[in-house]
Amino acid sequence: RRCVCLVGPGGIGKTSLAIAVGHYLRFRHAFVDGVFYVDARGLTSCLQLVYAISAALRLPNTVGATELQAREELLGALSSKHVCLLIDRCDSLSQTEHSAEFCELLSVMLRRGSRLQ
């Protein structure tokens, strides 16, 4: 139960539900290191998603780093944190030529970040 996907047609309230759950989790202090919202709308690469997640977590800026360096920096930071990431509007990433990379990134984040949900 570490990864939950909300799917459905546009306008039925997926984002509203995710935000409401995020507020509830934050209120209940369910995640020691926080609950973070990432808007993936318009992102077209995994590197952009890595930067968006890093920005949400307020990690040091990795601009200029290679994709591998930025990814490893993010994974290293997540490995010791007990956080909940709410990644919204992933449909644009899952429907591009980068969809396999996107799935792999999420898979690696969940494997290496044992306390990430």
PDB file of N, CA and C in Angstrom:
ATOM      1  N   ARG A   1       0.815  -1.197   0.000  1.00  0.00           N
ATOM      2  CA  ARG A   1       0.000   0.000   0.000  1.00  0.00           C
ATOM      3  C   ARG A   1       0.852   1.251   0.000  1.00  0.00           C
ATOM      4  N   ARG A   2       2.010   1.160  -0.596  1.00  0.00           N
ATOM      5  CA  ARG A   2       2.892   2.316  -0.605  1.00  0.00           C
ATOM      6  C   ARG A   2       2.663   3.208  -1.802  1.00  0.00           C
ATOM      7  N   CYS A   3       1.961   2.724  -2.805  1.00  0.00           N
ATOM      8  CA  CYS A   3       1.696   3.530  -3.988  1.00  0.00           C
ATOM      9  C   CYS A   3       0.217   3.405  -4.338  1.00  0.00           C
ATOM     10  N   VAL A   4      -0.463   4.518  -4.359  1.00  0.00           N
ATOM     11  CA  VAL A   4      -1.878   4.547  -4.700  1.00  0.00           C
ATOM     12  C   VAL A   4      -2.045   5.437  -5.921  1.00  0.00           C
ATOM     13  N   CYS A   5      -2.752   4.951  -6.909  1.00  0.00           N
ATOM     14  CA  CYS A   5      -3.008   5.737  -8.119  1.00  0.00           C
ATOM     15  C   CYS A   5      -4.493   6.054  -8.199  1.00  0.00           C
ATOM     16  N   LEU A   6      -4.805   7.314  -8.351  1.00  0.00           N
ATOM     17  CA  LEU A   6      -6.192   7.732  -8.570  1.00  0.00           C
ATOM     18  C   LEU A   6      -6.367   7.931 -10.068  1.00  0.00           C
ATOM     19  N   VAL A   7      -7.290   7.215 -10.653  1.00  0.00           N
ATOM     20  CA  VAL A   7      -7.520   7.321 -12.092  1.00  0.00           C
ATOM     21  C   VAL A   7      -8.994   7.587 -12.358  1.00  0.00           C
ATOM     22  N   GLY A   8      -9.250   8.208 -13.470  1.00  0.00           N
ATOM     23  CA  GLY A   8     -10.624   8.484 -13.859  1.00  0.00           C
ATOM     24  C   GLY A   8     -10.657   9.646 -14.821  1.00  0.00           C
ATOM     25  N   PRO A   9     -11.825   9.914 -15.380  1.00  0.00           N
ATOM     26  CA  PRO A   9     -11.945  11.017 -16.333  1.00  0.00           C
ATOM     27  C   PRO A   9     -11.712  12.365 -15.652  1.00  0.00           C
ATOM     28  N   GLY A  10     -11.339  13.333 -16.447  1.00  0.00           N
ATOM     29  CA  GLY A  10     -11.092  14.670 -15.936  1.00  0.00           C
ATOM     30  C   GLY A  10     -12.317  15.273 -15.282  1.00  0.00           C
ATOM     31  N   GLY A  11     -12.079  15.999 -14.191  1.00  0.00           N
ATOM     32  CA  GLY A  11     -13.159  16.729 -13.553  1.00  0.00           C
ATOM     33  C   GLY A  11     -13.946  15.987 -12.488  1.00  0.00           C
ATOM     34  N   ILE A  12     -13.538  14.753 -12.149  1.00  0.00           N
ATOM     35  CA  ILE A  12     -14.319  14.009 -11.149  1.00  0.00           C
ATOM     36  C   ILE A  12     -13.797  14.210  -9.726  1.00  0.00           C
ATOM     37  N   GLY A  13     -12.681  14.919  -9.568  1.00  0.00           N
ATOM     38  CA  GLY A  13     -12.202  15.232  -8.223  1.00  0.00           C
ATOM     39  C   GLY A  13     -10.983  14.468  -7.748  1.00  0.00           C
ATOM     40  N   LYS A  14     -10.200  13.911  -8.659  1.00  0.00           N
ATOM     41  CA  LYS A  14      -9.000  13.174  -8.252  1.00  0.00           C
ATOM     42  C   LYS A  14      -8.028  14.076  -7.499  1.00  0.00           C
ATOM     43  N   THR A  15      -7.767  15.255  -8.033  1.00  0.00           N
ATOM     44  CA  THR A  15      -6.847  16.192  -7.390  1.00  0.00           C
ATOM     45  C   THR A  15      -7.398  16.655  -6.050  1.00  0.00           C
ATOM     46  N   SER A  16      -8.660  16.983  -5.994  1.00  0.00           N
ATOM     47  CA  SER A  16      -9.281  17.422  -4.730  1.00  0.00           C
ATOM     48  C   SER A  16      -9.184  16.341  -3.670  1.00  0.00           C
ATOM     49  N   LEU A  17      -9.427  15.096  -4.056  1.00  0.00           N
ATOM     50  CA  LEU A  17      -9.329  13.987  -3.110  1.00  0.00           C
ATOM     51  C   LEU A  17      -7.887  13.840  -2.610  1.00  0.00           C
ATOM     52  N   ALA A  18      -6.919  13.885  -3.527  1.00  0.00           N
ATOM     53  CA  ALA A  18      -5.516  13.745  -3.129  1.00  0.00           C
ATOM     54  C   ALA A  18      -5.094  14.861  -2.175  1.00  0.00           C
ATOM     55  N   ILE A  19      -5.513  16.076  -2.459  1.00  0.00           N
ATOM     56  CA  ILE A  19      -5.166  17.207  -1.591  1.00  0.00           C
ATOM     57  C   ILE A  19      -5.836  17.054  -0.227  1.00  0.00           C
ATOM     58  N   ALA A  20      -7.084  16.622  -0.204  1.00  0.00           N
ATOM     59  CA  ALA A  20      -7.780  16.415   1.071  1.00  0.00           C
ATOM     60  C   ALA A  20      -7.091  15.333   1.901  1.00  0.00           C
ATOM     61  N   VAL A  21      -6.682  14.250   1.256  1.00  0.00           N
ATOM     62  CA  VAL A  21      -5.959  13.192   1.965  1.00  0.00           C
ATOM     63  C   VAL A  21      -4.623  13.728   2.470  1.00  0.00           C
ATOM     64  N   GLY A  22      -3.948  14.520   1.656  1.00  0.00           N
ATOM     65  CA  GLY A  22      -2.682  15.127   2.079  1.00  0.00           C
ATOM     66  C   GLY A  22      -2.847  15.999   3.310  1.00  0.00           C
ATOM     67  N   HIS A  23      -3.901  16.809   3.337  1.00  0.00           N
ATOM     68  CA  HIS A  23      -4.169  17.651   4.509  1.00  0.00           C
ATOM     69  C   HIS A  23      -4.456  16.790   5.743  1.00  0.00           C
ATOM     70  N   TYR A  24      -5.227  15.743   5.546  1.00  0.00           N
ATOM     71  CA  TYR A  24      -5.534  14.839   6.662  1.00  0.00           C
ATOM     72  C   TYR A  24      -4.261  14.197   7.204  1.00  0.00           C
ATOM     73  N   LEU A  25      -3.413  13.700   6.318  1.00  0.00           N
ATOM     74  CA  LEU A  25      -2.161  13.062   6.744  1.00  0.00           C
ATOM     75  C   LEU A  25      -1.255  14.058   7.456  1.00  0.00           C
ATOM     76  N   ARG A  26      -1.220  15.285   6.947  1.00  0.00           N
ATOM     77  CA  ARG A  26      -0.408  16.329   7.584  1.00  0.00           C
ATOM     78  C   ARG A  26      -0.960  16.642   8.976  1.00  0.00           C
ATOM     79  N   PHE A  27      -2.266  16.762   9.085  1.00  0.00           N
ATOM     80  CA  PHE A  27      -2.921  17.052  10.357  1.00  0.00           C
ATOM     81  C   PHE A  27      -2.656  15.947  11.378  1.00  0.00           C
ATOM     82  N   ARG A  28      -2.674  14.707  10.927  1.00  0.00           N
ATOM     83  CA  ARG A  28      -2.465  13.551  11.808  1.00  0.00           C
ATOM     84  C   ARG A  28      -0.988  13.278  12.067  1.00  0.00           C
ATOM     85  N   HIS A  29      -0.103  14.053  11.457  1.00  0.00           N
ATOM     86  CA  HIS A  29       1.352  13.854  11.595  1.00  0.00           C
ATOM     87  C   HIS A  29       1.740  12.412  11.243  1.00  0.00           C
ATOM     88  N   ALA A  30       1.120  11.900  10.203  1.00  0.00           N
ATOM     89  CA  ALA A  30       1.341  10.519   9.791  1.00  0.00           C
ATOM     90  C   ALA A  30       2.729  10.304   9.191  1.00  0.00           C
ATOM     91  N   PHE A  31       3.336  11.380   8.696  1.00  0.00           N
ATOM     92  CA  PHE A  31       4.654  11.281   8.082  1.00  0.00           C
ATOM     93  C   PHE A  31       5.572  12.286   8.759  1.00  0.00           C
ATOM     94  N   VAL A  32       6.544  11.776   9.469  1.00  0.00           N
ATOM     95  CA  VAL A  32       7.421  12.607  10.289  1.00  0.00           C
ATOM     96  C   VAL A  32       8.070  13.732   9.486  1.00  0.00           C
ATOM     97  N   ASP A  33       8.484  13.428   8.274  1.00  0.00           N
ATOM     98  CA  ASP A  33       9.194  14.420   7.466  1.00  0.00           C
ATOM     99  C   ASP A  33       8.283  15.197   6.520  1.00  0.00           C
ATOM    100  N   GLY A  34       6.989  14.918   6.552  1.00  0.00           N
ATOM    101  CA  GLY A  34       6.052  15.748   5.811  1.00  0.00           C
ATOM    102  C   GLY A  34       5.315  15.074   4.676  1.00  0.00           C
ATOM    103  N   VAL A  35       4.344  15.823   4.183  1.00  0.00           N
ATOM    104  CA  VAL A  35       3.534  15.445   3.027  1.00  0.00           C
ATOM    105  C   VAL A  35       3.763  16.532   1.987  1.00  0.00           C
ATOM    106  N   PHE A  36       4.106  16.135   0.774  1.00  0.00           N
ATOM    107  CA  PHE A  36       4.495  17.095  -0.253  1.00  0.00           C
ATOM    108  C   PHE A  36       3.687  16.878  -1.532  1.00  0.00           C
ATOM    109  N   TYR A  37       3.250  17.977  -2.116  1.00  0.00           N
ATOM    110  CA  TYR A  37       2.468  17.963  -3.346  1.00  0.00           C
ATOM    111  C   TYR A  37       3.378  18.360  -4.508  1.00  0.00           C
ATOM    112  N   VAL A  38       3.334  17.565  -5.564  1.00  0.00           N
ATOM    113  CA  VAL A  38       4.120  17.844  -6.774  1.00  0.00           C
ATOM    114  C   VAL A  38       3.154  17.875  -7.953  1.00  0.00           C
ATOM    115  N   ASP A  39       3.112  18.990  -8.665  1.00  0.00           N
ATOM    116  CA  ASP A  39       2.257  19.103  -9.846  1.00  0.00           C
ATOM    117  C   ASP A  39       3.097  18.755 -11.071  1.00  0.00           C
ATOM    118  N   ALA A  40       2.796  17.626 -11.692  1.00  0.00           N
ATOM    119  CA  ALA A  40       3.564  17.158 -12.849  1.00  0.00           C
ATOM    120  C   ALA A  40       2.958  17.618 -14.173  1.00  0.00           C
ATOM    121  N   ARG A  41       1.957  18.495 -14.120  1.00  0.00           N
ATOM    122  CA  ARG A  41       1.309  18.973 -15.344  1.00  0.00           C
ATOM    123  C   ARG A  41       2.336  19.650 -16.244  1.00  0.00           C
ATOM    124  N   GLY A  42       2.364  19.237 -17.478  1.00  0.00           N
ATOM    125  CA  GLY A  42       3.238  19.858 -18.465  1.00  0.00           C
ATOM    126  C   GLY A  42       4.670  19.347 -18.466  1.00  0.00           C
ATOM    127  N   LEU A  43       5.034  18.500 -17.520  1.00  0.00           N
ATOM    128  CA  LEU A  43       6.392  17.962 -17.518  1.00  0.00           C
ATOM    129  C   LEU A  43       6.522  16.943 -18.638  1.00  0.00           C
ATOM    130  N   THR A  44       7.653  16.961 -19.303  1.00  0.00           N
ATOM    131  CA  THR A  44       7.821  16.069 -20.451  1.00  0.00           C
ATOM    132  C   THR A  44       9.002  15.124 -20.310  1.00  0.00           C
ATOM    133  N   SER A  45       9.706  15.186 -19.186  1.00  0.00           N
ATOM    134  CA  SER A  45      10.837  14.278 -18.994  1.00  0.00           C
ATOM    135  C   SER A  45      10.979  13.924 -17.520  1.00  0.00           C
ATOM    136  N   CYS A  46      11.672  12.834 -17.271  1.00  0.00           N
ATOM    137  CA  CYS A  46      11.911  12.418 -15.888  1.00  0.00           C
ATOM    138  C   CYS A  46      12.803  13.411 -15.159  1.00  0.00           C
ATOM    139  N   LEU A  47      13.715  14.041 -15.875  1.00  0.00           N
ATOM    140  CA  LEU A  47      14.571  15.041 -15.243  1.00  0.00           C
ATOM    141  C   LEU A  47      13.727  16.189 -14.701  1.00  0.00           C
ATOM    142  N   GLN A  48      12.738  16.613 -15.464  1.00  0.00           N
ATOM    143  CA  GLN A  48      11.852  17.675 -14.980  1.00  0.00           C
ATOM    144  C   GLN A  48      11.094  17.217 -13.732  1.00  0.00           C
ATOM    145  N   LEU A  49      10.682  15.961 -13.704  1.00  0.00           N
ATOM    146  CA  LEU A  49       9.997  15.437 -12.524  1.00  0.00           C
ATOM    147  C   LEU A  49      10.946  15.385 -11.330  1.00  0.00           C
ATOM    148  N   VAL A  50      12.176  14.971 -11.548  1.00  0.00           N
ATOM    149  CA  VAL A  50      13.174  14.956 -10.470  1.00  0.00           C
ATOM    150  C   VAL A  50      13.338  16.356  -9.898  1.00  0.00           C
ATOM    151  N   TYR A  51      13.446  17.355 -10.772  1.00  0.00           N
ATOM    152  CA  TYR A  51      13.575  18.742 -10.304  1.00  0.00           C
ATOM    153  C   TYR A  51      12.323  19.193  -9.552  1.00  0.00           C
ATOM    154  N   ALA A  52      11.148  18.802 -10.036  1.00  0.00           N
ATOM    155  CA  ALA A  52       9.901  19.201  -9.380  1.00  0.00           C
ATOM    156  C   ALA A  52       9.793  18.581  -7.986  1.00  0.00           C
ATOM    157  N   ILE A  53      10.147  17.311  -7.867  1.00  0.00           N
ATOM    158  CA  ILE A  53      10.110  16.656  -6.554  1.00  0.00           C
ATOM    159  C   ILE A  53      11.149  17.269  -5.626  1.00  0.00           C
ATOM    160  N   SER A  54      12.351  17.504  -6.149  1.00  0.00           N
ATOM    161  CA  SER A  54      13.408  18.124  -5.341  1.00  0.00           C
ATOM    162  C   SER A  54      12.981  19.497  -4.837  1.00  0.00           C
ATOM    163  N   ALA A  55      12.324  20.264  -5.693  1.00  0.00           N
ATOM    164  CA  ALA A  55      11.859  21.594  -5.289  1.00  0.00           C
ATOM    165  C   ALA A  55      10.781  21.478  -4.203  1.00  0.00           C
ATOM    166  N   ALA A  56       9.866  20.521  -4.357  1.00  0.00           N
ATOM    167  CA  ALA A  56       8.814  20.333  -3.354  1.00  0.00           C
ATOM    168  C   ALA A  56       9.403  19.960  -1.999  1.00  0.00           C
ATOM    169  N   LEU A  57      10.465  19.162  -2.019  1.00  0.00           N
ATOM    170  CA  LEU A  57      11.125  18.738  -0.787  1.00  0.00           C
ATOM    171  C   LEU A  57      12.107  19.788  -0.262  1.00  0.00           C
ATOM    172  N   ARG A  58      12.258  20.864  -1.032  1.00  0.00           N
ATOM    173  CA  ARG A  58      13.187  21.947  -0.692  1.00  0.00           C
ATOM    174  C   ARG A  58      14.626  21.449  -0.574  1.00  0.00           C
ATOM    175  N   LEU A  59      15.006  20.570  -1.498  1.00  0.00           N
ATOM    176  CA  LEU A  59      16.382  20.085  -1.546  1.00  0.00           C
ATOM    177  C   LEU A  59      17.252  21.125  -2.225  1.00  0.00           C
ATOM    178  N   PRO A  60      18.550  21.107  -1.974  1.00  0.00           N
ATOM    179  CA  PRO A  60      19.438  22.055  -2.649  1.00  0.00           C
ATOM    180  C   PRO A  60      19.302  21.950  -4.163  1.00  0.00           C
ATOM    181  N   ASN A  61      19.403  23.069  -4.825  1.00  0.00           N
ATOM    182  CA  ASN A  61      19.253  23.144  -6.279  1.00  0.00           C
ATOM    183  C   ASN A  61      20.349  22.345  -6.975  1.00  0.00           C
ATOM    184  N   THR A  62      19.960  21.475  -7.896  1.00  0.00           N
ATOM    185  CA  THR A  62      20.916  20.657  -8.629  1.00  0.00           C
ATOM    186  C   THR A  62      20.978  21.050 -10.099  1.00  0.00           C
ATOM    187  N   VAL A  63      20.646  22.305 -10.399  1.00  0.00           N
ATOM    188  CA  VAL A  63      20.687  22.762 -11.788  1.00  0.00           C
ATOM    189  C   VAL A  63      22.106  22.622 -12.320  1.00  0.00           C
ATOM    190  N   GLY A  64      22.210  22.108 -13.514  1.00  0.00           N
ATOM    191  CA  GLY A  64      23.519  21.896 -14.116  1.00  0.00           C
ATOM    192  C   GLY A  64      24.022  20.476 -13.928  1.00  0.00           C
ATOM    193  N   ALA A  65      23.389  19.741 -13.023  1.00  0.00           N
ATOM    194  CA  ALA A  65      23.781  18.350 -12.814  1.00  0.00           C
ATOM    195  C   ALA A  65      23.242  17.493 -13.959  1.00  0.00           C
ATOM    196  N   THR A  66      23.906  16.396 -14.193  1.00  0.00           N
ATOM    197  CA  THR A  66      23.391  15.466 -15.196  1.00  0.00           C
ATOM    198  C   THR A  66      22.123  14.823 -14.649  1.00  0.00           C
ATOM    199  N   GLU A  67      21.378  14.182 -15.522  1.00  0.00           N
ATOM    200  CA  GLU A  67      20.144  13.531 -15.078  1.00  0.00           C
ATOM    201  C   GLU A  67      20.449  12.484 -14.011  1.00  0.00           C
ATOM    202  N   LEU A  68      21.508  11.722 -14.213  1.00  0.00           N
ATOM    203  CA  LEU A  68      21.873  10.688 -13.245  1.00  0.00           C
ATOM    204  C   LEU A  68      22.254  11.300 -11.900  1.00  0.00           C
ATOM    205  N   GLN A  69      23.018  12.391 -11.911  1.00  0.00           N
ATOM    206  CA  GLN A  69      23.410  13.048 -10.662  1.00  0.00           C
ATOM    207  C   GLN A  69      22.195  13.603  -9.921  1.00  0.00           C
ATOM    208  N   ALA A  70      21.301  14.259 -10.640  1.00  0.00           N
ATOM    209  CA  ALA A  70      20.108  14.833 -10.016  1.00  0.00           C
ATOM    210  C   ALA A  70      19.230  13.731  -9.435  1.00  0.00           C
ATOM    211  N   ARG A  71      19.101  12.646 -10.173  1.00  0.00           N
ATOM    212  CA  ARG A  71      18.290  11.513  -9.711  1.00  0.00           C
ATOM    213  C   ARG A  71      18.891  10.881  -8.461  1.00  0.00           C
ATOM    214  N   GLU A  72      20.197  10.669  -8.465  1.00  0.00           N
ATOM    215  CA  GLU A  72      20.867  10.067  -7.310  1.00  0.00           C
ATOM    216  C   GLU A  72      20.785  10.973  -6.084  1.00  0.00           C
ATOM    217  N   GLU A  73      20.877  12.272  -6.295  1.00  0.00           N
ATOM    218  CA  GLU A  73      20.738  13.232  -5.193  1.00  0.00           C
ATOM    219  C   GLU A  73      19.347  13.112  -4.565  1.00  0.00           C
ATOM    220  N   LEU A  74      18.328  13.042  -5.406  1.00  0.00           N
ATOM    221  CA  LEU A  74      16.959  12.897  -4.919  1.00  0.00           C
ATOM    222  C   LEU A  74      16.776  11.569  -4.190  1.00  0.00           C
ATOM    223  N   LEU A  75      17.232  10.485  -4.791  1.00  0.00           N
ATOM    224  CA  LEU A  75      17.080   9.170  -4.174  1.00  0.00           C
ATOM    225  C   LEU A  75      17.809   9.091  -2.842  1.00  0.00           C
ATOM    226  N   GLY A  76      18.984   9.714  -2.768  1.00  0.00           N
ATOM    227  CA  GLY A  76      19.728   9.742  -1.508  1.00  0.00           C
ATOM    228  C   GLY A  76      18.968  10.485  -0.426  1.00  0.00           C
ATOM    229  N   ALA A  77      18.364  11.600  -0.800  1.00  0.00           N
ATOM    230  CA  ALA A  77      17.603  12.394   0.170  1.00  0.00           C
ATOM    231  C   ALA A  77      16.355  11.637   0.630  1.00  0.00           C
ATOM    232  N   LEU A  78      15.714  10.927  -0.285  1.00  0.00           N
ATOM    233  CA  LEU A  78      14.489  10.202   0.068  1.00  0.00           C
ATOM    234  C   LEU A  78      14.767   8.959   0.905  1.00  0.00           C
ATOM    235  N   SER A  79      15.960   8.408   0.809  1.00  0.00           N
ATOM    236  CA  SER A  79      16.253   7.142   1.480  1.00  0.00           C
ATOM    237  C   SER A  79      16.118   7.231   2.991  1.00  0.00           C
ATOM    238  N   SER A  80      16.307   8.414   3.554  1.00  0.00           N
ATOM    239  CA  SER A  80      16.254   8.534   5.012  1.00  0.00           C
ATOM    240  C   SER A  80      15.012   9.274   5.504  1.00  0.00           C
ATOM    241  N   LYS A  81      14.123   9.633   4.611  1.00  0.00           N
ATOM    242  CA  LYS A  81      12.949  10.429   4.996  1.00  0.00           C
ATOM    243  C   LYS A  81      11.676   9.591   5.023  1.00  0.00           C
ATOM    244  N   HIS A  82      10.805   9.930   5.960  1.00  0.00           N
ATOM    245  CA  HIS A  82       9.482   9.309   6.032  1.00  0.00           C
ATOM    246  C   HIS A  82       8.489  10.336   5.512  1.00  0.00           C
ATOM    247  N   VAL A  83       8.268  10.326   4.203  1.00  0.00           N
ATOM    248  CA  VAL A  83       7.441  11.329   3.551  1.00  0.00           C
ATOM    249  C   VAL A  83       6.355  10.675   2.703  1.00  0.00           C
ATOM    250  N   CYS A  84       5.357  11.479   2.407  1.00  0.00           N
ATOM    251  CA  CYS A  84       4.317  11.103   1.454  1.00  0.00           C
ATOM    252  C   CYS A  84       4.410  12.094   0.301  1.00  0.00           C
ATOM    253  N   LEU A  85       4.582  11.578  -0.902  1.00  0.00           N
ATOM    254  CA  LEU A  85       4.603  12.420  -2.095  1.00  0.00           C
ATOM    255  C   LEU A  85       3.273  12.272  -2.819  1.00  0.00           C
ATOM    256  N   LEU A  86       2.617  13.382  -3.065  1.00  0.00           N
ATOM    257  CA  LEU A  86       1.401  13.403  -3.868  1.00  0.00           C
ATOM    258  C   LEU A  86       1.792  13.972  -5.225  1.00  0.00           C
ATOM    259  N   ILE A  87       1.982  13.091  -6.191  1.00  0.00           N
ATOM    260  CA  ILE A  87       2.394  13.523  -7.523  1.00  0.00           C
ATOM    261  C   ILE A  87       1.147  13.570  -8.395  1.00  0.00           C
ATOM    262  N   ASP A  88       0.740  14.777  -8.739  1.00  0.00           N
ATOM    263  CA  ASP A  88      -0.512  14.992  -9.451  1.00  0.00           C
ATOM    264  C   ASP A  88      -0.251  15.203 -10.939  1.00  0.00           C
ATOM    265  N   ARG A  89      -1.212  14.799 -11.742  1.00  0.00           N
ATOM    266  CA  ARG A  89      -1.210  15.020 -13.194  1.00  0.00           C
ATOM    267  C   ARG A  89      -0.041  14.337 -13.900  1.00  0.00           C
ATOM    268  N   CYS A  90       0.166  13.089 -13.557  1.00  0.00           N
ATOM    269  CA  CYS A  90       1.242  12.298 -14.158  1.00  0.00           C
ATOM    270  C   CYS A  90       0.900  11.808 -15.558  1.00  0.00           C
ATOM    271  N   ASP A  91      -0.331  12.022 -15.984  1.00  0.00           N
ATOM    272  CA  ASP A  91      -0.751  11.489 -17.275  1.00  0.00           C
ATOM    273  C   ASP A  91       0.111  11.981 -18.423  1.00  0.00           C
ATOM    274  N   SER A  92       0.610  13.212 -18.329  1.00  0.00           N
ATOM    275  CA  SER A  92       1.443  13.720 -19.431  1.00  0.00           C
ATOM    276  C   SER A  92       2.757  12.955 -19.513  1.00  0.00           C
ATOM    277  N   LEU A  93       3.290  12.529 -18.378  1.00  0.00           N
ATOM    278  CA  LEU A  93       4.542  11.762 -18.386  1.00  0.00           C
ATOM    279  C   LEU A  93       4.323  10.316 -18.799  1.00  0.00           C
ATOM    280  N   SER A  94       3.190   9.762 -18.412  1.00  0.00           N
ATOM    281  CA  SER A  94       2.958   8.352 -18.717  1.00  0.00           C
ATOM    282  C   SER A  94       2.545   8.126 -20.169  1.00  0.00           C
ATOM    283  N   GLN A  95       2.297   9.201 -20.903  1.00  0.00           N
ATOM    284  CA  GLN A  95       1.864   9.060 -22.284  1.00  0.00           C
ATOM    285  C   GLN A  95       2.894   9.580 -23.285  1.00  0.00           C
ATOM    286  N   THR A  96       4.143   9.691 -22.857  1.00  0.00           N
ATOM    287  CA  THR A  96       5.195  10.163 -23.750  1.00  0.00           C
ATOM    288  C   THR A  96       6.181   9.038 -24.020  1.00  0.00           C
ATOM    289  N   GLU A  97       7.179   9.350 -24.808  1.00  0.00           N
ATOM    290  CA  GLU A  97       8.222   8.353 -25.074  1.00  0.00           C
ATOM    291  C   GLU A  97       9.052   8.079 -23.827  1.00  0.00           C
ATOM    292  N   HIS A  98       8.854   8.897 -22.784  1.00  0.00           N
ATOM    293  CA  HIS A  98       9.591   8.724 -21.533  1.00  0.00           C
ATOM    294  C   HIS A  98       8.804   7.920 -20.500  1.00  0.00           C
ATOM    295  N   SER A  99       7.712   7.298 -20.900  1.00  0.00           N
ATOM    296  CA  SER A  99       6.859   6.613 -19.926  1.00  0.00           C
ATOM    297  C   SER A  99       7.596   5.491 -19.199  1.00  0.00           C
ATOM    298  N   ALA A 100       8.456   4.750 -19.901  1.00  0.00           N
ATOM    299  CA  ALA A 100       9.218   3.676 -19.247  1.00  0.00           C
ATOM    300  C   ALA A 100      10.176   4.261 -18.209  1.00  0.00           C
ATOM    301  N   GLU A 101      10.817   5.393 -18.541  1.00  0.00           N
ATOM    302  CA  GLU A 101      11.719   6.052 -17.586  1.00  0.00           C
ATOM    303  C   GLU A 101      10.946   6.543 -16.365  1.00  0.00           C
ATOM    304  N   PHE A 102       9.756   7.082 -16.599  1.00  0.00           N
ATOM    305  CA  PHE A 102       8.912   7.581 -15.517  1.00  0.00           C
ATOM    306  C   PHE A 102       8.550   6.438 -14.571  1.00  0.00           C
ATOM    307  N   CYS A 103       8.106   5.318 -15.122  1.00  0.00           N
ATOM    308  CA  CYS A 103       7.757   4.157 -14.301  1.00  0.00           C
ATOM    309  C   CYS A 103       8.974   3.639 -13.546  1.00  0.00           C
ATOM    310  N   GLU A 104      10.103   3.603 -14.203  1.00  0.00           N
ATOM    311  CA  GLU A 104      11.336   3.142 -13.552  1.00  0.00           C
ATOM    312  C   GLU A 104      11.727   4.078 -12.410  1.00  0.00           C
ATOM    313  N   LEU A 105      11.608   5.390 -12.619  1.00  0.00           N
ATOM    314  CA  LEU A 105      11.934   6.351 -11.560  1.00  0.00           C
ATOM    315  C   LEU A 105      11.052   6.111 -10.338  1.00  0.00           C
ATOM    316  N   LEU A 106       9.748   5.982 -10.526  1.00  0.00           N
ATOM    317  CA  LEU A 106       8.847   5.735  -9.397  1.00  0.00           C
ATOM    318  C   LEU A 106       9.176   4.416  -8.708  1.00  0.00           C
ATOM    319  N   SER A 107       9.481   3.395  -9.490  1.00  0.00           N
ATOM    320  CA  SER A 107       9.829   2.095  -8.931  1.00  0.00           C
ATOM    321  C   SER A 107      11.095   2.174  -8.084  1.00  0.00           C
ATOM    322  N   VAL A 108      12.111   2.837  -8.593  1.00  0.00           N
ATOM    323  CA  VAL A 108      13.374   2.980  -7.853  1.00  0.00           C
ATOM    324  C   VAL A 108      13.160   3.823  -6.599  1.00  0.00           C
ATOM    325  N   MET A 109      12.358   4.882  -6.702  1.00  0.00           N
ATOM    326  CA  MET A 109      12.081   5.713  -5.527  1.00  0.00           C
ATOM    327  C   MET A 109      11.432   4.872  -4.426  1.00  0.00           C
ATOM    328  N   LEU A 110      10.498   4.017  -4.781  1.00  0.00           N
ATOM    329  CA  LEU A 110       9.824   3.190  -3.781  1.00  0.00           C
ATOM    330  C   LEU A 110      10.737   2.100  -3.229  1.00  0.00           C
ATOM    331  N   ARG A 111      11.612   1.547  -4.070  1.00  0.00           N
ATOM    332  CA  ARG A 111      12.535   0.514  -3.595  1.00  0.00           C
ATOM    333  C   ARG A 111      13.599   1.082  -2.678  1.00  0.00           C
ATOM    334  N   ARG A 112      14.189   2.193  -3.077  1.00  0.00           N
ATOM    335  CA  ARG A 112      15.303   2.751  -2.301  1.00  0.00           C
ATOM    336  C   ARG A 112      14.838   3.627  -1.149  1.00  0.00           C
ATOM    337  N   GLY A 113      13.670   4.205  -1.267  1.00  0.00           N
ATOM    338  CA  GLY A 113      13.135   5.012  -0.185  1.00  0.00           C
ATOM    339  C   GLY A 113      12.151   4.177   0.611  1.00  0.00           C
ATOM    340  N   SER A 114      12.656   3.325   1.468  1.00  0.00           N
ATOM    341  CA  SER A 114      11.805   2.339   2.153  1.00  0.00           C
ATOM    342  C   SER A 114      10.728   2.979   3.009  1.00  0.00           C
ATOM    343  N   ARG A 115      10.872   4.264   3.345  1.00  0.00           N
ATOM    344  CA  ARG A 115       9.862   4.935   4.169  1.00  0.00           C
ATOM    345  C   ARG A 115       9.036   5.934   3.345  1.00  0.00           C
ATOM    346  N   LEU A 116       9.237   5.909   2.037  1.00  0.00           N
ATOM    347  CA  LEU A 116       8.488   6.783   1.130  1.00  0.00           C
ATOM    348  C   LEU A 116       7.149   6.136   0.800  1.00  0.00           C
ATOM    349  N   GLN A 117       6.109   6.955   0.780  1.00  0.00           N
ATOM    350  CA  GLN A 117       4.804   6.451   0.375  1.00  0.00           C
ATOM    351  C   GLN A 117       4.148   7.450  -0.538  1.00  0.00           C
TER     352      GLN A 117
END
